PDB file of N, CA and C in Angstrom:
ATOM      1  N   UNK A   1       0.837  -1.181   0.000  1.00  0.00           N
ATOM      2  CA  UNK A   1       0.000   0.000   0.000  1.00  0.00           C
ATOM      3  C   UNK A   1       0.885   1.248   0.000  1.00  0.00           C
ATOM      4  N   UNK A   2       1.081   1.809  -1.172  1.00  0.00           N
ATOM      5  CA  UNK A   2       1.886   3.014  -1.317  1.00  0.00           C
ATOM      6  C   UNK A   2       1.000   4.240  -1.302  1.00  0.00           C
ATOM      7  N   UNK A   3       1.370   5.202  -0.473  1.00  0.00           N
ATOM      8  CA  UNK A   3       0.650   6.477  -0.474  1.00  0.00           C
ATOM      9  C   UNK A   3       1.537   7.499  -1.162  1.00  0.00           C
ATOM     10  N   UNK A   4       0.915   8.289  -1.994  1.00  0.00           N
ATOM     11  CA  UNK A   4       1.672   9.289  -2.727  1.00  0.00           C
ATOM     12  C   UNK A   4       1.957  10.469  -1.814  1.00  0.00           C
ATOM     13  N   UNK A   5       3.206  10.861  -1.759  1.00  0.00           N
ATOM     14  CA  UNK A   5       3.615  11.992  -0.937  1.00  0.00           C
ATOM     15  C   UNK A   5       3.847  13.207  -1.831  1.00  0.00           C
ATOM     16  N   UNK A   6       3.405  14.335  -1.339  1.00  0.00           N
ATOM     17  CA  UNK A   6       3.576  15.574  -2.074  1.00  0.00           C
ATOM     18  C   UNK A   6       4.643  16.405  -1.382  1.00  0.00           C
ATOM     19  N   UNK A   7       5.467  17.052  -2.212  1.00  0.00           N
ATOM     20  CA  UNK A   7       6.510  17.921  -1.679  1.00  0.00           C
ATOM     21  C   UNK A   7       5.902  19.301  -1.419  1.00  0.00           C
ATOM     22  N   UNK A   8       5.712  19.627  -0.151  1.00  0.00           N
ATOM     23  CA  UNK A   8       5.042  20.869   0.233  1.00  0.00           C
ATOM     24  C   UNK A   8       5.797  22.089  -0.281  1.00  0.00           C
ATOM     25  N   UNK A   9       7.116  22.056  -0.205  1.00  0.00           N
ATOM     26  CA  UNK A   9       7.916  23.183  -0.670  1.00  0.00           C
ATOM     27  C   UNK A   9       7.685  23.433  -2.158  1.00  0.00           C
ATOM     28  N   UNK A  10       7.629  22.398  -2.942  1.00  0.00           N
ATOM     29  CA  UNK A  10       7.398  22.537  -4.382  1.00  0.00           C
ATOM     30  C   UNK A  10       6.000  23.078  -4.666  1.00  0.00           C
ATOM     31  N   UNK A  11       5.020  22.648  -3.900  1.00  0.00           N
ATOM     32  CA  UNK A  11       3.655  23.135  -4.086  1.00  0.00           C
ATOM     33  C   UNK A  11       3.578  24.629  -3.778  1.00  0.00           C
ATOM     34  N   UNK A  12       4.198  25.040  -2.681  1.00  0.00           N
ATOM     35  CA  UNK A  12       4.187  26.460  -2.310  1.00  0.00           C
ATOM     36  C   UNK A  12       4.950  27.282  -3.342  1.00  0.00           C
ATOM     37  N   UNK A  13       6.091  26.785  -3.786  1.00  0.00           N
ATOM     38  CA  UNK A  13       6.899  27.495  -4.778  1.00  0.00           C
ATOM     39  C   UNK A  13       6.127  27.666  -6.088  1.00  0.00           C
ATOM     40  N   UNK A  14       5.490  26.615  -6.551  1.00  0.00           N
ATOM     41  CA  UNK A  14       4.743  26.716  -7.803  1.00  0.00           C
ATOM     42  C   UNK A  14       3.542  27.654  -7.650  1.00  0.00           C
ATOM     43  N   UNK A  15       2.932  27.667  -6.466  1.00  0.00           N
ATOM     44  CA  UNK A  15       1.812  28.575  -6.211  1.00  0.00           C
ATOM     45  C   UNK A  15       2.275  30.018  -6.278  1.00  0.00           C
ATOM     46  N   UNK A  16       3.419  30.322  -5.693  1.00  0.00           N
ATOM     47  CA  UNK A  16       3.945  31.680  -5.749  1.00  0.00           C
ATOM     48  C   UNK A  16       4.302  32.075  -7.176  1.00  0.00           C
ATOM     49  N   UNK A  17       4.854  31.153  -7.933  1.00  0.00           N
ATOM     50  CA  UNK A  17       5.239  31.462  -9.310  1.00  0.00           C
ATOM     51  C   UNK A  17       4.012  31.675 -10.185  1.00  0.00           C
ATOM     52  N   UNK A  18       3.005  30.852 -10.010  1.00  0.00           N
ATOM     53  CA  UNK A  18       1.815  30.944 -10.859  1.00  0.00           C
ATOM     54  C   UNK A  18       0.920  32.121 -10.480  1.00  0.00           C
ATOM     55  N   UNK A  19       0.851  32.454  -9.218  1.00  0.00           N
ATOM     56  CA  UNK A  19      -0.063  33.499  -8.750  1.00  0.00           C
ATOM     57  C   UNK A  19       0.676  34.691  -8.166  1.00  0.00           C
ATOM     58  N   UNK A  20       1.793  35.072  -8.760  1.00  0.00           N
ATOM     59  CA  UNK A  20       2.614  36.127  -8.177  1.00  0.00           C
ATOM     60  C   UNK A  20       1.923  37.482  -8.179  1.00  0.00           C
ATOM     61  N   UNK A  21       1.052  37.730  -9.132  1.00  0.00           N
ATOM     62  CA  UNK A  21       0.372  39.035  -9.184  1.00  0.00           C
ATOM     63  C   UNK A  21      -0.550  39.220  -7.971  1.00  0.00           C
ATOM     64  N   UNK A  22      -1.286  38.191  -7.634  1.00  0.00           N
ATOM     65  CA  UNK A  22      -2.187  38.268  -6.486  1.00  0.00           C
ATOM     66  C   UNK A  22      -1.391  38.475  -5.202  1.00  0.00           C
ATOM     67  N   UNK A  23      -0.298  37.756  -5.062  1.00  0.00           N
ATOM     68  CA  UNK A  23       0.530  37.883  -3.864  1.00  0.00           C
ATOM     69  C   UNK A  23       1.146  39.277  -3.774  1.00  0.00           C
ATOM     70  N   UNK A  24       1.569  39.812  -4.907  1.00  0.00           N
ATOM     71  CA  UNK A  24       2.161  41.147  -4.914  1.00  0.00           C
ATOM     72  C   UNK A  24       1.127  42.201  -4.535  1.00  0.00           C
ATOM     73  N   UNK A  25      -0.079  42.084  -5.078  1.00  0.00           N
ATOM     74  CA  UNK A  25      -1.143  43.035  -4.757  1.00  0.00           C
ATOM     75  C   UNK A  25      -1.487  42.970  -3.269  1.00  0.00           C
ATOM     76  N   UNK A  26      -1.596  41.765  -2.728  1.00  0.00           N
ATOM     77  CA  UNK A  26      -1.901  41.618  -1.305  1.00  0.00           C
ATOM     78  C   UNK A  26      -0.780  42.179  -0.434  1.00  0.00           C
ATOM     79  N   UNK A  27       0.462  41.936  -0.834  1.00  0.00           N
ATOM     80  CA  UNK A  27       1.606  42.459  -0.083  1.00  0.00           C
ATOM     81  C   UNK A  27       1.603  43.983  -0.057  1.00  0.00           C
ATOM     82  N   UNK A  28       1.347  44.596  -1.211  1.00  0.00           N
ATOM     83  CA  UNK A  28       1.304  46.054  -1.286  1.00  0.00           C
ATOM     84  C   UNK A  28       0.148  46.592  -0.443  1.00  0.00           C
ATOM     85  N   UNK A  29      -0.998  45.915  -0.478  1.00  0.00           N
ATOM     86  CA  UNK A  29      -2.147  46.347   0.323  1.00  0.00           C
ATOM     87  C   UNK A  29      -1.829  46.284   1.812  1.00  0.00           C
ATOM     88  N   UNK A  30      -1.116  45.247   2.236  1.00  0.00           N
ATOM     89  CA  UNK A  30      -0.733  45.118   3.646  1.00  0.00           C
ATOM     90  C   UNK A  30       0.216  46.237   4.050  1.00  0.00           C
ATOM     91  N   UNK A  31       1.195  46.543   3.201  1.00  0.00           N
ATOM     92  CA  UNK A  31       2.159  47.608   3.498  1.00  0.00           C
ATOM     93  C   UNK A  31       1.456  48.963   3.591  1.00  0.00           C
ATOM     94  N   UNK A  32       0.551  49.241   2.661  1.00  0.00           N
ATOM     95  CA  UNK A  32      -0.171  50.512   2.675  1.00  0.00           C
ATOM     96  C   UNK A  32      -1.050  50.610   3.919  1.00  0.00           C
ATOM     97  N   UNK A  33      -1.746  49.541   4.238  1.00  0.00           N
ATOM     98  CA  UNK A  33      -2.610  49.533   5.414  1.00  0.00           C
ATOM     99  C   UNK A  33      -1.808  49.759   6.691  1.00  0.00           C
ATOM    100  N   UNK A  34      -0.683  49.085   6.830  1.00  0.00           N
ATOM    101  CA  UNK A  34       0.164  49.252   8.013  1.00  0.00           C
ATOM    102  C   UNK A  34       0.697  50.688   8.099  1.00  0.00           C
ATOM    103  N   UNK A  35       1.046  51.259   6.968  1.00  0.00           N
ATOM    104  CA  UNK A  35       1.537  52.645   6.963  1.00  0.00           C
ATOM    105  C   UNK A  35       0.460  53.610   7.439  1.00  0.00           C
ATOM    106  N   UNK A  36      -0.773  53.413   6.971  1.00  0.00           N
ATOM    107  CA  UNK A  36      -1.863  54.282   7.404  1.00  0.00           C
ATOM    108  C   UNK A  36      -2.140  54.140   8.893  1.00  0.00           C
ATOM    109  N   UNK A  37      -2.003  52.943   9.426  1.00  0.00           N
ATOM    110  CA  UNK A  37      -2.200  52.747  10.863  1.00  0.00           C
ATOM    111  C   UNK A  37      -1.144  53.517  11.648  1.00  0.00           C
ATOM    112  N   UNK A  38       0.103  53.415  11.228  1.00  0.00           N
ATOM    113  CA  UNK A  38       1.190  54.113  11.919  1.00  0.00           C
ATOM    114  C   UNK A  38       0.988  55.626  11.840  1.00  0.00           C
ATOM    115  N   UNK A  39       0.620  56.132  10.668  1.00  0.00           N
ATOM    116  CA  UNK A  39       0.401  57.570  10.504  1.00  0.00           C
ATOM    117  C   UNK A  39      -0.759  58.044  11.380  1.00  0.00           C
ATOM    118  N   UNK A  40      -1.843  57.265  11.421  1.00  0.00           N
ATOM    119  CA  UNK A  40      -3.001  57.636  12.229  1.00  0.00           C
ATOM    120  C   UNK A  40      -2.664  57.670  13.712  1.00  0.00           C
ATOM    121  N   UNK A  41      -1.931  56.680  14.190  1.00  0.00           N
ATOM    122  CA  UNK A  41      -1.535  56.648  15.602  1.00  0.00           C
ATOM    123  C   UNK A  41      -0.636  57.835  15.923  1.00  0.00           C
ATOM    124  N   UNK A  42       0.291  58.159  15.029  1.00  0.00           N
ATOM    125  CA  UNK A  42       1.192  59.293  15.246  1.00  0.00           C
ATOM    126  C   UNK A  42       0.416  60.604  15.346  1.00  0.00           C
ATOM    127  N   UNK A  43      -0.502  60.817  14.398  1.00  0.00           N
ATOM    128  CA  UNK A  43      -1.283  62.062  14.418  1.00  0.00           C
ATOM    129  C   UNK A  43      -2.189  62.130  15.643  1.00  0.00           C
ATOM    130  N   UNK A  44      -2.744  61.010  16.048  1.00  0.00           N
ATOM    131  CA  UNK A  44      -3.593  60.979  17.234  1.00  0.00           C
ATOM    132  C   UNK A  44      -2.795  61.344  18.478  1.00  0.00           C
ATOM    133  N   UNK A  45      -1.602  60.814  18.597  1.00  0.00           N
ATOM    134  CA  UNK A  45      -0.761  61.145  19.754  1.00  0.00           C
ATOM    135  C   UNK A  45      -0.385  62.626  19.763  1.00  0.00           C
ATOM    136  N   UNK A  46      -0.120  63.194  18.582  1.00  0.00           N
ATOM    137  CA  UNK A  46       0.177  64.627  18.522  1.00  0.00           C
ATOM    138  C   UNK A  46      -1.013  65.452  18.984  1.00  0.00           C
ATOM    139  N   UNK A  47      -2.208  65.085  18.538  1.00  0.00           N
ATOM    140  CA  UNK A  47      -3.402  65.825  18.949  1.00  0.00           C
ATOM    141  C   UNK A  47      -3.657  65.698  20.439  1.00  0.00           C
ATOM    142  N   UNK A  48      -3.433  64.523  20.995  1.00  0.00           N
ATOM    143  CA  UNK A  48      -3.618  64.329  22.436  1.00  0.00           C
ATOM    144  C   UNK A  48      -2.622  65.188  23.214  1.00  0.00           C
ATOM    145  N   UNK A  49      -1.391  65.258  22.735  1.00  0.00           N
ATOM    146  CA  UNK A  49      -0.375  66.079  23.396  1.00  0.00           C
ATOM    147  C   UNK A  49      -0.743  67.561  23.337  1.00  0.00           C
ATOM    148  N   UNK A  50      -1.211  68.019  22.164  1.00  0.00           N
ATOM    149  CA  UNK A  50      -1.624  69.416  22.043  1.00  0.00           C
ATOM    150  C   UNK A  50      -2.790  69.728  22.969  1.00  0.00           C
ATOM    151  N   UNK A  51      -3.754  68.824  23.014  1.00  0.00           N
ATOM    152  CA  UNK A  51      -4.915  69.031  23.892  1.00  0.00           C
ATOM    153  C   UNK A  51      -4.486  69.087  25.353  1.00  0.00           C
ATOM    154  N   UNK A  52      -3.583  68.212  25.736  1.00  0.00           N
ATOM    155  CA  UNK A  52      -3.097  68.202  27.115  1.00  0.00           C
ATOM    156  C   UNK A  52      -2.371  69.498  27.447  1.00  0.00           C
ATOM    157  N   UNK A  53      -1.574  70.005  26.512  1.00  0.00           N
ATOM    158  CA  UNK A  53      -0.881  71.276  26.737  1.00  0.00           C
ATOM    159  C   UNK A  53      -1.862  72.424  26.882  1.00  0.00           C
ATOM    160  N   UNK A  54      -2.923  72.428  26.078  1.00  0.00           N
ATOM    161  CA  UNK A  54      -3.936  73.482  26.200  1.00  0.00           C
ATOM    162  C   UNK A  54      -4.650  73.415  27.543  1.00  0.00           C
ATOM    163  N   UNK A  55      -4.946  72.226  28.004  1.00  0.00           N
ATOM    164  CA  UNK A  55      -5.595  72.057  29.304  1.00  0.00           C
ATOM    165  C   UNK A  55      -4.677  72.556  30.416  1.00  0.00           C
ATOM    166  N   UNK A  56      -3.385  72.239  30.317  1.00  0.00           N
ATOM    167  CA  UNK A  56      -2.433  72.706  31.327  1.00  0.00           C
ATOM    168  C   UNK A  56      -2.342  74.226  31.339  1.00  0.00           C
ATOM    169  N   UNK A  57      -2.309  74.855  30.147  1.00  0.00           N
ATOM    170  CA  UNK A  57      -2.260  76.315  30.081  1.00  0.00           C
ATOM    171  C   UNK A  57      -3.518  76.930  30.684  1.00  0.00           C
ATOM    172  N   UNK A  58      -4.658  76.327  30.385  1.00  0.00           N
ATOM    173  CA  UNK A  58      -5.928  76.827  30.927  1.00  0.00           C
ATOM    174  C   UNK A  58      -5.937  76.722  32.447  1.00  0.00           C
ATOM    175  N   UNK A  59      -5.440  75.610  32.983  1.00  0.00           N
ATOM    176  CA  UNK A  59      -5.386  75.432  34.435  1.00  0.00           C
ATOM    177  C   UNK A  59      -4.424  76.425  35.087  1.00  0.00           C
ATOM    178  N   UNK A  60      -3.312  76.726  34.422  1.00  0.00           N
ATOM    179  CA  UNK A  60      -2.366  77.703  34.963  1.00  0.00           C
ATOM    180  C   UNK A  60      -3.006  79.087  35.035  1.00  0.00           C
ATOM    181  N   UNK A  61      -3.761  79.428  33.985  1.00  0.00           N
ATOM    182  CA  UNK A  61      -4.423  80.731  33.980  1.00  0.00           C
ATOM    183  C   UNK A  61      -5.478  80.804  35.078  1.00  0.00           C
ATOM    184  N   UNK A  62      -6.161  79.708  35.326  1.00  0.00           N
ATOM    185  CA  UNK A  62      -7.159  79.681  36.407  1.00  0.00           C
ATOM    186  C   UNK A  62      -6.477  79.874  37.749  1.00  0.00           C
ATOM    187  N   UNK A  63      -5.325  79.222  37.918  1.00  0.00           N
ATOM    188  CA  UNK A  63      -4.605  79.320  39.190  1.00  0.00           C
ATOM    189  C   UNK A  63      -4.105  80.746  39.416  1.00  0.00           C
ATOM    190  N   UNK A  64      -3.726  81.432  38.342  1.00  0.00           N
ATOM    191  CA  UNK A  64      -3.203  82.801  38.460  1.00  0.00           C
ATOM    192  C   UNK A  64      -4.339  83.826  38.497  1.00  0.00           C
ATOM    193  N   UNK A  65      -5.540  83.418  38.285  1.00  0.00           N
ATOM    194  CA  UNK A  65      -6.671  84.327  38.348  1.00  0.00           C
ATOM    195  C   UNK A  65      -6.855  85.144  37.083  1.00  0.00           C
ATOM    196  N   UNK A  66      -6.301  84.740  36.004  1.00  0.00           N
ATOM    197  CA  UNK A  66      -6.423  85.487  34.756  1.00  0.00           C
ATOM    198  C   UNK A  66      -7.763  85.263  34.083  1.00  0.00           C
ATOM    199  N   UNK A  67      -8.397  84.146  34.376  1.00  0.00           N
ATOM    200  CA  UNK A  67      -9.692  83.858  33.745  1.00  0.00           C
ATOM    201  C   UNK A  67     -10.804  84.165  34.705  1.00  0.00           C
TER     202      UNK A  67
END
């Protein structure tokens, strides 16, 4: 009773060679998506920092009686 064995590496290699356009498109989509996530987090942190600085300035003015 012989069972046919498949070479997994060869199957994966042939899949990449035959469907390289799909893999390339998916790879580019992943890179773009990750970049947008990083940019969004960076901008959000900047806005939070600016808001915190404004709150601190407002509190200082309250303490000094300017408002």
